[in-house]
PDB file of N, CA and C in Angstrom:
ATOM      1  N   UNK A   1      18.545 -21.185  -5.672  1.00  0.00           N
ATOM      2  CA  UNK A   1      18.183 -20.848  -5.022  1.00  0.00           C
ATOM      3  C   UNK A   1      18.895 -19.338  -3.406  1.00  0.00           C
ATOM      4  N   UNK A   2      19.907 -20.640  -4.234  1.00  0.00           N
ATOM      5  CA  UNK A   2      20.908 -20.932  -3.131  1.00  0.00           C
ATOM      6  C   UNK A   2      22.451 -19.868  -2.891  1.00  0.00           C
ATOM      7  N   UNK A   3      22.106 -19.835  -4.734  1.00  0.00           N
ATOM      8  CA  UNK A   3      22.959 -18.144  -4.776  1.00  0.00           C
ATOM      9  C   UNK A   3      22.933 -16.750  -4.941  1.00  0.00           C
ATOM     10  N   UNK A   4      20.999 -17.467  -5.056  1.00  0.00           N
ATOM     11  CA  UNK A   4      20.367 -15.181  -4.665  1.00  0.00           C
ATOM     12  C   UNK A   4      20.980 -14.900  -3.493  1.00  0.00           C
ATOM     13  N   UNK A   5      21.110 -13.188  -3.403  1.00  0.00           N
ATOM     14  CA  UNK A   5      21.461 -12.258  -2.531  1.00  0.00           C
ATOM     15  C   UNK A   5      19.326 -13.172  -2.275  1.00  0.00           C
ATOM     16  N   UNK A   6      20.004 -12.780  -0.796  1.00  0.00           N
ATOM     17  CA  UNK A   6      18.275 -12.630   0.229  1.00  0.00           C
ATOM     18  C   UNK A   6      17.442 -11.643   0.308  1.00  0.00           C
ATOM     19  N   UNK A   7      17.125 -10.441  -0.645  1.00  0.00           N
ATOM     20  CA  UNK A   7      17.303  -9.519  -0.914  1.00  0.00           C
ATOM     21  C   UNK A   7      15.827 -10.269  -2.269  1.00  0.00           C
ATOM     22  N   UNK A   8      16.296 -11.547  -2.949  1.00  0.00           N
ATOM     23  CA  UNK A   8      16.363 -11.619  -4.710  1.00  0.00           C
ATOM     24  C   UNK A   8      15.506 -12.915  -3.996  1.00  0.00           C
ATOM     25  N   UNK A   9      15.560 -13.926  -3.025  1.00  0.00           N
ATOM     26  CA  UNK A   9      15.012 -14.447  -2.520  1.00  0.00           C
ATOM     27  C   UNK A   9      13.677 -14.363  -1.904  1.00  0.00           C
ATOM     28  N   UNK A  10      13.656 -13.496  -0.848  1.00  0.00           N
ATOM     29  CA  UNK A  10      12.732 -12.597  -0.408  1.00  0.00           C
ATOM     30  C   UNK A  10      11.773 -12.420  -1.880  1.00  0.00           C
ATOM     31  N   UNK A  11      12.553 -10.863  -2.227  1.00  0.00           N
ATOM     32  CA  UNK A  11      11.723 -10.497  -3.689  1.00  0.00           C
ATOM     33  C   UNK A  11      11.540 -11.429  -5.337  1.00  0.00           C
ATOM     34  N   UNK A  12      11.102 -13.087  -4.614  1.00  0.00           N
ATOM     35  CA  UNK A  12      10.853 -13.976  -5.870  1.00  0.00           C
ATOM     36  C   UNK A  12       9.972 -14.752  -5.184  1.00  0.00           C
ATOM     37  N   UNK A  13       9.859 -14.283  -4.141  1.00  0.00           N
ATOM     38  CA  UNK A  13       8.872 -15.143  -2.625  1.00  0.00           C
ATOM     39  C   UNK A  13       8.169 -14.516  -2.811  1.00  0.00           C
ATOM     40  N   UNK A  14       7.592 -13.411  -3.020  1.00  0.00           N
ATOM     41  CA  UNK A  14       6.990 -12.622  -3.108  1.00  0.00           C
ATOM     42  C   UNK A  14       6.337 -12.420  -4.114  1.00  0.00           C
ATOM     43  N   UNK A  15       6.909 -12.021  -4.671  1.00  0.00           N
ATOM     44  CA  UNK A  15       5.630 -11.676  -6.247  1.00  0.00           C
ATOM     45  C   UNK A  15       4.972 -13.033  -6.915  1.00  0.00           C
ATOM     46  N   UNK A  16       6.091 -14.185  -6.517  1.00  0.00           N
ATOM     47  CA  UNK A  16       5.131 -15.302  -6.772  1.00  0.00           C
ATOM     48  C   UNK A  16       3.749 -15.936  -5.894  1.00  0.00           C
ATOM     49  N   UNK A  17       4.182 -15.710  -4.846  1.00  0.00           N
ATOM     50  CA  UNK A  17       3.332 -15.644  -3.812  1.00  0.00           C
ATOM     51  C   UNK A  17       1.311 -14.145  -4.287  1.00  0.00           C
ATOM     52  N   UNK A  18       2.181 -13.039  -4.283  1.00  0.00           N
ATOM     53  CA  UNK A  18       1.144 -12.017  -4.356  1.00  0.00           C
ATOM     54  C   UNK A  18       0.204 -12.618  -5.767  1.00  0.00           C
ATOM     55  N   UNK A  19       1.247 -12.181  -7.046  1.00  0.00           N
ATOM     56  CA  UNK A  19       0.041 -13.861  -7.614  1.00  0.00           C
ATOM     57  C   UNK A  19      -0.502 -14.662  -8.826  1.00  0.00           C
ATOM     58  N   UNK A  20       0.453 -15.387  -6.706  1.00  0.00           N
ATOM     59  CA  UNK A  20      -0.749 -16.572  -7.133  1.00  0.00           C
ATOM     60  C   UNK A  20      -2.165 -16.634  -6.389  1.00  0.00           C
ATOM     61  N   UNK A  21      -2.664 -15.671  -5.644  1.00  0.00           N
ATOM     62  CA  UNK A  21      -3.019 -14.725  -4.440  1.00  0.00           C
ATOM     63  C   UNK A  21      -4.140 -14.130  -5.879  1.00  0.00           C
ATOM     64  N   UNK A  22      -3.580 -13.127  -6.086  1.00  0.00           N
ATOM     65  CA  UNK A  22      -4.551 -12.657  -7.647  1.00  0.00           C
ATOM     66  C   UNK A  22      -5.076 -13.277  -8.875  1.00  0.00           C
ATOM     67  N   UNK A  23      -4.400 -13.901  -9.010  1.00  0.00           N
ATOM     68  CA  UNK A  23      -5.133 -15.192  -9.684  1.00  0.00           C
ATOM     69  C   UNK A  23      -6.231 -15.792  -9.424  1.00  0.00           C
ATOM     70  N   UNK A  24      -6.257 -16.102  -8.879  1.00  0.00           N
ATOM     71  CA  UNK A  24      -6.676 -17.401  -8.232  1.00  0.00           C
ATOM     72  C   UNK A  24      -8.178 -16.737  -6.385  1.00  0.00           C
ATOM     73  N   UNK A  25      -7.659 -15.998  -5.882  1.00  0.00           N
ATOM     74  CA  UNK A  25      -8.444 -15.197  -5.437  1.00  0.00           C
ATOM     75  C   UNK A  25      -7.813 -13.726  -4.724  1.00  0.00           C
ATOM     76  N   UNK A  26      -8.692 -13.218  -5.483  1.00  0.00           N
ATOM     77  CA  UNK A  26      -8.532 -11.604  -5.254  1.00  0.00           C
ATOM     78  C   UNK A  26      -8.086 -10.816  -3.436  1.00  0.00           C
ATOM     79  N   UNK A  27      -9.776 -11.855  -2.956  1.00  0.00           N
ATOM     80  CA  UNK A  27     -10.015 -11.076  -2.103  1.00  0.00           C
ATOM     81  C   UNK A  27      -9.426 -11.764  -0.362  1.00  0.00           C
ATOM     82  N   UNK A  28      -7.912 -12.424  -0.577  1.00  0.00           N
ATOM     83  CA  UNK A  28      -6.553 -12.775  -0.037  1.00  0.00           C
ATOM     84  C   UNK A  28      -5.974 -12.024   0.061  1.00  0.00           C
ATOM     85  N   UNK A  29      -5.970 -10.801  -0.769  1.00  0.00           N
ATOM     86  CA  UNK A  29      -4.671 -10.112  -1.114  1.00  0.00           C
ATOM     87  C   UNK A  29      -4.220  -9.328   0.544  1.00  0.00           C
ATOM     88  N   UNK A  30      -5.603  -9.075   1.097  1.00  0.00           N
ATOM     89  CA  UNK A  30      -6.023  -8.692   2.188  1.00  0.00           C
ATOM     90  C   UNK A  30      -4.316  -8.673   3.353  1.00  0.00           C
ATOM     91  N   UNK A  31      -4.830 -10.185   3.072  1.00  0.00           N
ATOM     92  CA  UNK A  31      -3.880 -10.864   4.552  1.00  0.00           C
ATOM     93  C   UNK A  31      -2.035 -10.202   4.579  1.00  0.00           C
ATOM     94  N   UNK A  32      -1.464  -9.975   3.045  1.00  0.00           N
ATOM     95  CA  UNK A  32      -0.288  -9.526   2.916  1.00  0.00           C
ATOM     96  C   UNK A  32      -0.139  -8.342   2.990  1.00  0.00           C
ATOM     97  N   UNK A  33      -1.048  -6.995   2.871  1.00  0.00           N
ATOM     98  CA  UNK A  33      -1.202  -5.849   2.836  1.00  0.00           C
ATOM     99  C   UNK A  33      -0.670  -5.588   4.280  1.00  0.00           C
ATOM    100  N   UNK A  34       0.891  -5.084   4.907  1.00  0.00           N
ATOM    101  CA  UNK A  34       1.275  -3.793   5.912  1.00  0.00           C
ATOM    102  C   UNK A  34      -0.030  -3.618   5.778  1.00  0.00           C
ATOM    103  N   UNK A  35      -0.182  -3.264   7.451  1.00  0.00           N
ATOM    104  CA  UNK A  35      -0.594  -1.607   7.800  1.00  0.00           C
ATOM    105  C   UNK A  35      -2.029   0.152   7.125  1.00  0.00           C
ATOM    106  N   UNK A  36      -0.662   0.144   7.071  1.00  0.00           N
ATOM    107  CA  UNK A  36      -0.919   1.110   6.493  1.00  0.00           C
ATOM    108  C   UNK A  36      -0.660   1.622   4.905  1.00  0.00           C
ATOM    109  N   UNK A  37      -0.858   0.344   4.590  1.00  0.00           N
ATOM    110  CA  UNK A  37       0.070   0.535   2.945  1.00  0.00           C
ATOM    111  C   UNK A  37      -0.982   1.753   1.405  1.00  0.00           C
ATOM    112  N   UNK A  38       0.058   1.505   0.597  1.00  0.00           N
ATOM    113  CA  UNK A  38      -0.608   2.847  -0.507  1.00  0.00           C
ATOM    114  C   UNK A  38      -0.770   2.077  -1.710  1.00  0.00           C
ATOM    115  N   UNK A  39      -1.458   2.513  -2.930  1.00  0.00           N
ATOM    116  CA  UNK A  39      -1.120   1.258  -3.946  1.00  0.00           C
ATOM    117  C   UNK A  39      -2.302   2.939  -5.262  1.00  0.00           C
ATOM    118  N   UNK A  40      -0.968   2.517  -6.199  1.00  0.00           N
ATOM    119  CA  UNK A  40      -1.838   3.588  -6.665  1.00  0.00           C
ATOM    120  C   UNK A  40      -2.337   3.228  -8.261  1.00  0.00           C
ATOM    121  N   UNK A  41      -2.861   2.887  -8.962  1.00  0.00           N
ATOM    122  CA  UNK A  41      -3.621   2.774 -10.106  1.00  0.00           C
ATOM    123  C   UNK A  41      -3.948   3.286 -10.853  1.00  0.00           C
ATOM    124  N   UNK A  42      -3.555   3.634 -11.972  1.00  0.00           N
ATOM    125  CA  UNK A  42      -4.106   4.419 -13.636  1.00  0.00           C
ATOM    126  C   UNK A  42      -3.893   5.311 -12.758  1.00  0.00           C
ATOM    127  N   UNK A  43      -3.507   6.086 -11.907  1.00  0.00           N
ATOM    128  CA  UNK A  43      -3.228   7.616 -11.814  1.00  0.00           C
ATOM    129  C   UNK A  43      -4.367   7.803 -10.378  1.00  0.00           C
ATOM    130  N   UNK A  44      -5.571   6.780 -10.188  1.00  0.00           N
ATOM    131  CA  UNK A  44      -6.336   7.042  -8.921  1.00  0.00           C
ATOM    132  C   UNK A  44      -5.569   5.772  -7.638  1.00  0.00           C
ATOM    133  N   UNK A  45      -4.713   6.956  -6.089  1.00  0.00           N
ATOM    134  CA  UNK A  45      -4.142   6.494  -5.667  1.00  0.00           C
ATOM    135  C   UNK A  45      -5.845   5.976  -4.078  1.00  0.00           C
ATOM    136  N   UNK A  46      -4.685   4.818  -3.907  1.00  0.00           N
ATOM    137  CA  UNK A  46      -5.689   4.159  -1.993  1.00  0.00           C
ATOM    138  C   UNK A  46      -4.930   3.921  -1.385  1.00  0.00           C
ATOM    139  N   UNK A  47      -4.897   4.055  -0.030  1.00  0.00           N
ATOM    140  CA  UNK A  47      -4.225   4.280   1.171  1.00  0.00           C
ATOM    141  C   UNK A  47      -5.126   2.707   2.628  1.00  0.00           C
ATOM    142  N   UNK A  48      -4.404   2.722   2.325  1.00  0.00           N
ATOM    143  CA  UNK A  48      -5.167   1.912   4.105  1.00  0.00           C
ATOM    144  C   UNK A  48      -5.666   0.596   2.745  1.00  0.00           C
ATOM    145  N   UNK A  49      -5.479  -0.796   3.372  1.00  0.00           N
ATOM    146  CA  UNK A  49      -6.653  -2.055   3.162  1.00  0.00           C
ATOM    147  C   UNK A  49      -7.516  -2.706   2.883  1.00  0.00           C
ATOM    148  N   UNK A  50      -8.621  -1.067   3.588  1.00  0.00           N
ATOM    149  CA  UNK A  50      -9.680  -1.319   2.680  1.00  0.00           C
ATOM    150  C   UNK A  50     -10.564  -1.276   1.190  1.00  0.00           C
ATOM    151  N   UNK A  51      -9.639   0.299   1.299  1.00  0.00           N
ATOM    152  CA  UNK A  51      -9.694   0.771   0.094  1.00  0.00           C
ATOM    153  C   UNK A  51      -9.210  -0.231  -0.672  1.00  0.00           C
ATOM    154  N   UNK A  52      -7.477  -0.596  -0.792  1.00  0.00           N
ATOM    155  CA  UNK A  52      -7.015  -0.748  -2.135  1.00  0.00           C
ATOM    156  C   UNK A  52      -7.864  -2.324  -2.053  1.00  0.00           C
ATOM    157  N   UNK A  53      -8.535  -3.134  -0.868  1.00  0.00           N
ATOM    158  CA  UNK A  53      -9.068  -4.136  -1.273  1.00  0.00           C
ATOM    159  C   UNK A  53     -10.660  -3.966  -2.270  1.00  0.00           C
ATOM    160  N   UNK A  54     -10.724  -3.110  -2.009  1.00  0.00           N
ATOM    161  CA  UNK A  54     -11.855  -2.241  -2.096  1.00  0.00           C
ATOM    162  C   UNK A  54     -12.028  -2.793  -3.387  1.00  0.00           C
ATOM    163  N   UNK A  55     -10.595  -1.840  -3.939  1.00  0.00           N
ATOM    164  CA  UNK A  55     -10.169  -1.629  -5.535  1.00  0.00           C
ATOM    165  C   UNK A  55      -9.827  -3.677  -6.454  1.00  0.00           C
ATOM    166  N   UNK A  56      -9.683  -3.883  -5.858  1.00  0.00           N
ATOM    167  CA  UNK A  56      -8.859  -4.871  -6.071  1.00  0.00           C
ATOM    168  C   UNK A  56     -10.291  -5.972  -6.676  1.00  0.00           C
ATOM    169  N   UNK A  57     -10.574  -6.013  -6.295  1.00  0.00           N
ATOM    170  CA  UNK A  57     -12.238  -6.912  -5.651  1.00  0.00           C
ATOM    171  C   UNK A  57     -12.737  -6.298  -6.354  1.00  0.00           C
ATOM    172  N   UNK A  58     -12.297  -5.373  -7.627  1.00  0.00           N
ATOM    173  CA  UNK A  58     -14.390  -3.966  -8.232  1.00  0.00           C
ATOM    174  C   UNK A  58     -13.430  -4.570  -9.610  1.00  0.00           C
ATOM    175  N   UNK A  59     -11.802  -5.024  -9.880  1.00  0.00           N
ATOM    176  CA  UNK A  59     -11.701  -5.183 -10.866  1.00  0.00           C
ATOM    177  C   UNK A  59     -12.806  -5.513 -12.138  1.00  0.00           C
ATOM    178  N   UNK A  60     -12.719  -5.178 -13.627  1.00  0.00           N
ATOM    179  CA  UNK A  60     -14.460  -5.513 -14.113  1.00  0.00           C
ATOM    180  C   UNK A  60     -12.990  -6.608 -15.163  1.00  0.00           C
ATOM    181  N   UNK A  61     -12.900  -7.372 -14.426  1.00  0.00           N
ATOM    182  CA  UNK A  61     -13.224  -9.372 -14.871  1.00  0.00           C
ATOM    183  C   UNK A  61     -13.591  -9.901 -13.381  1.00  0.00           C
ATOM    184  N   UNK A  62     -13.089 -11.467 -14.748  1.00  0.00           N
ATOM    185  CA  UNK A  62     -13.109 -12.731 -13.161  1.00  0.00           C
ATOM    186  C   UNK A  62     -12.588 -13.136 -13.426  1.00  0.00           C
ATOM    187  N   UNK A  63     -11.721 -13.422 -14.760  1.00  0.00           N
ATOM    188  CA  UNK A  63     -10.460 -14.720 -13.873  1.00  0.00           C
ATOM    189  C   UNK A  63      -9.507 -13.546 -15.162  1.00  0.00           C
ATOM    190  N   UNK A  64      -8.670 -14.033 -14.402  1.00  0.00           N
ATOM    191  CA  UNK A  64      -7.227 -13.913 -14.752  1.00  0.00           C
ATOM    192  C   UNK A  64      -5.684 -14.470 -14.315  1.00  0.00           C
ATOM    193  N   UNK A  65      -4.556 -13.959 -15.549  1.00  0.00           N
ATOM    194  CA  UNK A  65      -3.694 -14.843 -15.561  1.00  0.00           C
ATOM    195  C   UNK A  65      -2.520 -14.611 -15.823  1.00  0.00           C
ATOM    196  N   UNK A  66      -1.319 -14.151 -14.837  1.00  0.00           N
ATOM    197  CA  UNK A  66      -0.100 -13.183 -15.196  1.00  0.00           C
ATOM    198  C   UNK A  66       0.905 -14.301 -15.081  1.00  0.00           C
ATOM    199  N   UNK A  67       1.871 -13.674 -16.238  1.00  0.00           N
ATOM    200  CA  UNK A  67       2.514 -14.115 -16.482  1.00  0.00           C
ATOM    201  C   UNK A  67       4.002 -13.638 -16.319  1.00  0.00           C
ATOM    202  N   UNK A  68       4.923 -14.421 -15.316  1.00  0.00           N
ATOM    203  CA  UNK A  68       5.931 -13.352 -15.402  1.00  0.00           C
ATOM    204  C   UNK A  68       7.146 -13.717 -16.828  1.00  0.00           C
ATOM    205  N   UNK A  69       7.688 -12.604 -16.949  1.00  0.00           N
ATOM    206  CA  UNK A  69       8.436 -12.036 -18.032  1.00  0.00           C
ATOM    207  C   UNK A  69       9.770 -11.667 -16.941  1.00  0.00           C
ATOM    208  N   UNK A  70       9.981 -11.211 -16.297  1.00  0.00           N
ATOM    209  CA  UNK A  70      10.530 -10.428 -15.438  1.00  0.00           C
ATOM    210  C   UNK A  70      10.915 -10.285 -14.357  1.00  0.00           C
ATOM    211  N   UNK A  71      11.396  -9.984 -13.710  1.00  0.00           N
ATOM    212  CA  UNK A  71      11.564  -9.797 -12.071  1.00  0.00           C
ATOM    213  C   UNK A  71      12.258  -9.556 -11.945  1.00  0.00           C
ATOM    214  N   UNK A  72      13.430  -7.727 -11.083  1.00  0.00           N
ATOM    215  CA  UNK A  72      13.957  -7.603 -10.065  1.00  0.00           C
ATOM    216  C   UNK A  72      13.950  -7.484  -8.911  1.00  0.00           C
ATOM    217  N   UNK A  73      14.920  -7.358  -8.408  1.00  0.00           N
ATOM    218  CA  UNK A  73      14.798  -6.178  -6.156  1.00  0.00           C
ATOM    219  C   UNK A  73      15.420  -6.011  -5.752  1.00  0.00           C
ATOM    220  N   UNK A  74      15.633  -4.997  -5.496  1.00  0.00           N
ATOM    221  CA  UNK A  74      16.827  -4.779  -4.429  1.00  0.00           C
ATOM    222  C   UNK A  74      16.752  -4.059  -3.234  1.00  0.00           C
ATOM    223  N   UNK A  75      18.017  -4.169  -2.099  1.00  0.00           N
ATOM    224  CA  UNK A  75      17.699  -3.859  -0.780  1.00  0.00           C
ATOM    225  C   UNK A  75      17.777  -1.942  -1.269  1.00  0.00           C
ATOM    226  N   UNK A  76      17.299  -1.817  -0.185  1.00  0.00           N
ATOM    227  CA  UNK A  76      17.053  -0.472   0.523  1.00  0.00           C
ATOM    228  C   UNK A  76      17.329   0.043   2.249  1.00  0.00           C
ATOM    229  N   UNK A  77      17.799   1.195   1.542  1.00  0.00           N
ATOM    230  CA  UNK A  77      18.585   1.856   2.650  1.00  0.00           C
ATOM    231  C   UNK A  77      18.119   1.283   3.892  1.00  0.00           C
ATOM    232  N   UNK A  78      17.062   1.507   3.697  1.00  0.00           N
ATOM    233  CA  UNK A  78      16.039   1.598   5.256  1.00  0.00           C
ATOM    234  C   UNK A  78      15.061  -0.259   5.762  1.00  0.00           C
ATOM    235  N   UNK A  79      16.297  -1.091   5.143  1.00  0.00           N
ATOM    236  CA  UNK A  79      16.289  -2.011   5.013  1.00  0.00           C
ATOM    237  C   UNK A  79      14.886  -3.380   3.816  1.00  0.00           C
ATOM    238  N   UNK A  80      14.156  -2.557   3.507  1.00  0.00           N
ATOM    239  CA  UNK A  80      12.631  -2.785   2.546  1.00  0.00           C
ATOM    240  C   UNK A  80      13.756  -3.667   1.709  1.00  0.00           C
ATOM    241  N   UNK A  81      12.855  -4.358   0.602  1.00  0.00           N
ATOM    242  CA  UNK A  81      13.386  -4.790  -0.899  1.00  0.00           C
ATOM    243  C   UNK A  81      12.242  -3.378  -2.575  1.00  0.00           C
ATOM    244  N   UNK A  82      13.152  -4.185  -3.292  1.00  0.00           N
ATOM    245  CA  UNK A  82      12.184  -3.186  -4.049  1.00  0.00           C
ATOM    246  C   UNK A  82      12.137  -3.808  -5.030  1.00  0.00           C
ATOM    247  N   UNK A  83      11.465  -4.251  -5.130  1.00  0.00           N
ATOM    248  CA  UNK A  83      11.628  -5.352  -6.301  1.00  0.00           C
ATOM    249  C   UNK A  83      10.380  -4.449  -7.530  1.00  0.00           C
ATOM    250  N   UNK A  84      10.200  -4.667  -8.796  1.00  0.00           N
ATOM    251  CA  UNK A  84       9.680  -4.657 -10.131  1.00  0.00           C
ATOM    252  C   UNK A  84       9.699  -5.681 -10.960  1.00  0.00           C
ATOM    253  N   UNK A  85       8.344  -5.753 -11.808  1.00  0.00           N
ATOM    254  CA  UNK A  85       7.942  -7.183 -11.629  1.00  0.00           C
ATOM    255  C   UNK A  85       7.542  -6.440 -13.941  1.00  0.00           C
ATOM    256  N   UNK A  86       7.555  -7.754 -14.098  1.00  0.00           N
ATOM    257  CA  UNK A  86       7.302  -7.124 -15.135  1.00  0.00           C
ATOM    258  C   UNK A  86       6.767  -8.915 -15.980  1.00  0.00           C
ATOM    259  N   UNK A  87       5.606  -8.182 -16.830  1.00  0.00           N
ATOM    260  CA  UNK A  87       5.606  -9.598 -17.681  1.00  0.00           C
ATOM    261  C   UNK A  87       3.909 -10.062 -18.562  1.00  0.00           C
ATOM    262  N   UNK A  88       3.586 -10.565 -19.145  1.00  0.00           N
ATOM    263  CA  UNK A  88       2.696 -10.478 -19.302  1.00  0.00           C
ATOM    264  C   UNK A  88       0.798 -11.295 -19.029  1.00  0.00           C
ATOM    265  N   UNK A  89      -0.374 -10.718 -19.077  1.00  0.00           N
ATOM    266  CA  UNK A  89      -1.430 -10.358 -18.220  1.00  0.00           C
ATOM    267  C   UNK A  89      -2.448 -11.230 -18.839  1.00  0.00           C
ATOM    268  N   UNK A  90      -3.512 -12.113 -18.869  1.00  0.00           N
ATOM    269  CA  UNK A  90      -3.843 -12.693 -19.814  1.00  0.00           C
ATOM    270  C   UNK A  90      -5.984 -12.567 -18.680  1.00  0.00           C
ATOM    271  N   UNK A  91      -7.498 -11.613 -19.536  1.00  0.00           N
ATOM    272  CA  UNK A  91      -8.058 -10.985 -18.450  1.00  0.00           C
ATOM    273  C   UNK A  91      -9.196 -12.005 -19.000  1.00  0.00           C
ATOM    274  N   UNK A  92     -10.129 -12.707 -18.788  1.00  0.00           N
ATOM    275  CA  UNK A  92     -11.757 -13.186 -19.698  1.00  0.00           C
ATOM    276  C   UNK A  92     -10.972 -13.940 -20.839  1.00  0.00           C
ATOM    277  N   UNK A  93     -11.448 -12.964 -21.489  1.00  0.00           N
ATOM    278  CA  UNK A  93     -11.515 -13.651 -23.437  1.00  0.00           C
ATOM    279  C   UNK A  93     -10.820 -11.791 -23.869  1.00  0.00           C
ATOM    280  N   UNK A  94     -10.273 -10.661 -23.413  1.00  0.00           N
ATOM    281  CA  UNK A  94      -9.104  -9.787 -23.642  1.00  0.00           C
ATOM    282  C   UNK A  94      -7.552 -10.455 -24.015  1.00  0.00           C
ATOM    283  N   UNK A  95      -7.647  -9.757 -25.246  1.00  0.00           N
ATOM    284  CA  UNK A  95      -6.575 -10.366 -25.761  1.00  0.00           C
ATOM    285  C   UNK A  95      -5.132 -10.487 -24.873  1.00  0.00           C
ATOM    286  N   UNK A  96      -4.175 -11.147 -24.293  1.00  0.00           N
ATOM    287  CA  UNK A  96      -2.665 -10.441 -23.827  1.00  0.00           C
ATOM    288  C   UNK A  96      -2.537  -9.411 -24.066  1.00  0.00           C
ATOM    289  N   UNK A  97      -1.639  -9.290 -23.110  1.00  0.00           N
ATOM    290  CA  UNK A  97      -1.150  -7.081 -22.843  1.00  0.00           C
ATOM    291  C   UNK A  97      -0.368  -7.400 -21.642  1.00  0.00           C
ATOM    292  N   UNK A  98       0.790  -6.839 -21.797  1.00  0.00           N
ATOM    293  CA  UNK A  98       2.138  -6.678 -20.651  1.00  0.00           C
ATOM    294  C   UNK A  98       1.358  -5.864 -19.619  1.00  0.00           C
ATOM    295  N   UNK A  99       2.493  -6.191 -18.348  1.00  0.00           N
ATOM    296  CA  UNK A  99       1.978  -5.805 -17.283  1.00  0.00           C
ATOM    297  C   UNK A  99       3.357  -5.267 -16.234  1.00  0.00           C
ATOM    298  N   UNK A 100       3.259  -4.130 -15.864  1.00  0.00           N
ATOM    299  CA  UNK A 100       4.601  -4.189 -15.638  1.00  0.00           C
ATOM    300  C   UNK A 100       4.235  -3.391 -13.879  1.00  0.00           C
ATOM    301  N   UNK A 101       5.098  -3.644 -12.747  1.00  0.00           N
ATOM    302  CA  UNK A 101       5.134  -2.952 -10.903  1.00  0.00           C
ATOM    303  C   UNK A 101       5.614  -3.313 -10.451  1.00  0.00           C
ATOM    304  N   UNK A 102       5.846  -2.720  -9.032  1.00  0.00           N
ATOM    305  CA  UNK A 102       6.722  -2.593  -8.849  1.00  0.00           C
ATOM    306  C   UNK A 102       6.177  -2.252  -7.668  1.00  0.00           C
ATOM    307  N   UNK A 103       6.820  -3.152  -6.292  1.00  0.00           N
ATOM    308  CA  UNK A 103       6.109  -2.906  -5.110  1.00  0.00           C
ATOM    309  C   UNK A 103       7.693  -3.252  -4.456  1.00  0.00           C
ATOM    310  N   UNK A 104       7.285  -1.653  -2.849  1.00  0.00           N
ATOM    311  CA  UNK A 104       8.484  -2.082  -1.878  1.00  0.00           C
ATOM    312  C   UNK A 104       7.558  -2.311  -1.235  1.00  0.00           C
TER     313      UNK A 104
END
């Protein structure tokens, strides 16, 4: 990580941590959300931790495994980091499918 920009280091570490929690115990994701987060998933919008965690916990699969194939991180003018992630996921016995996700 020595030659990576700081926002790339932070973004990569966050992505690794997020998907590790998501794959192993989605109920633990609440610890990484800020006080007033928002989530848009398949056209539905959720605000605040409780509704987001309820949605993530109610997803219709028992096990999931994400494989990250690409990630890009950019600094924003207000000192945040925009992270774009693409990869593949396998949920239960369903076929492998692609996914992408954006974090701010």
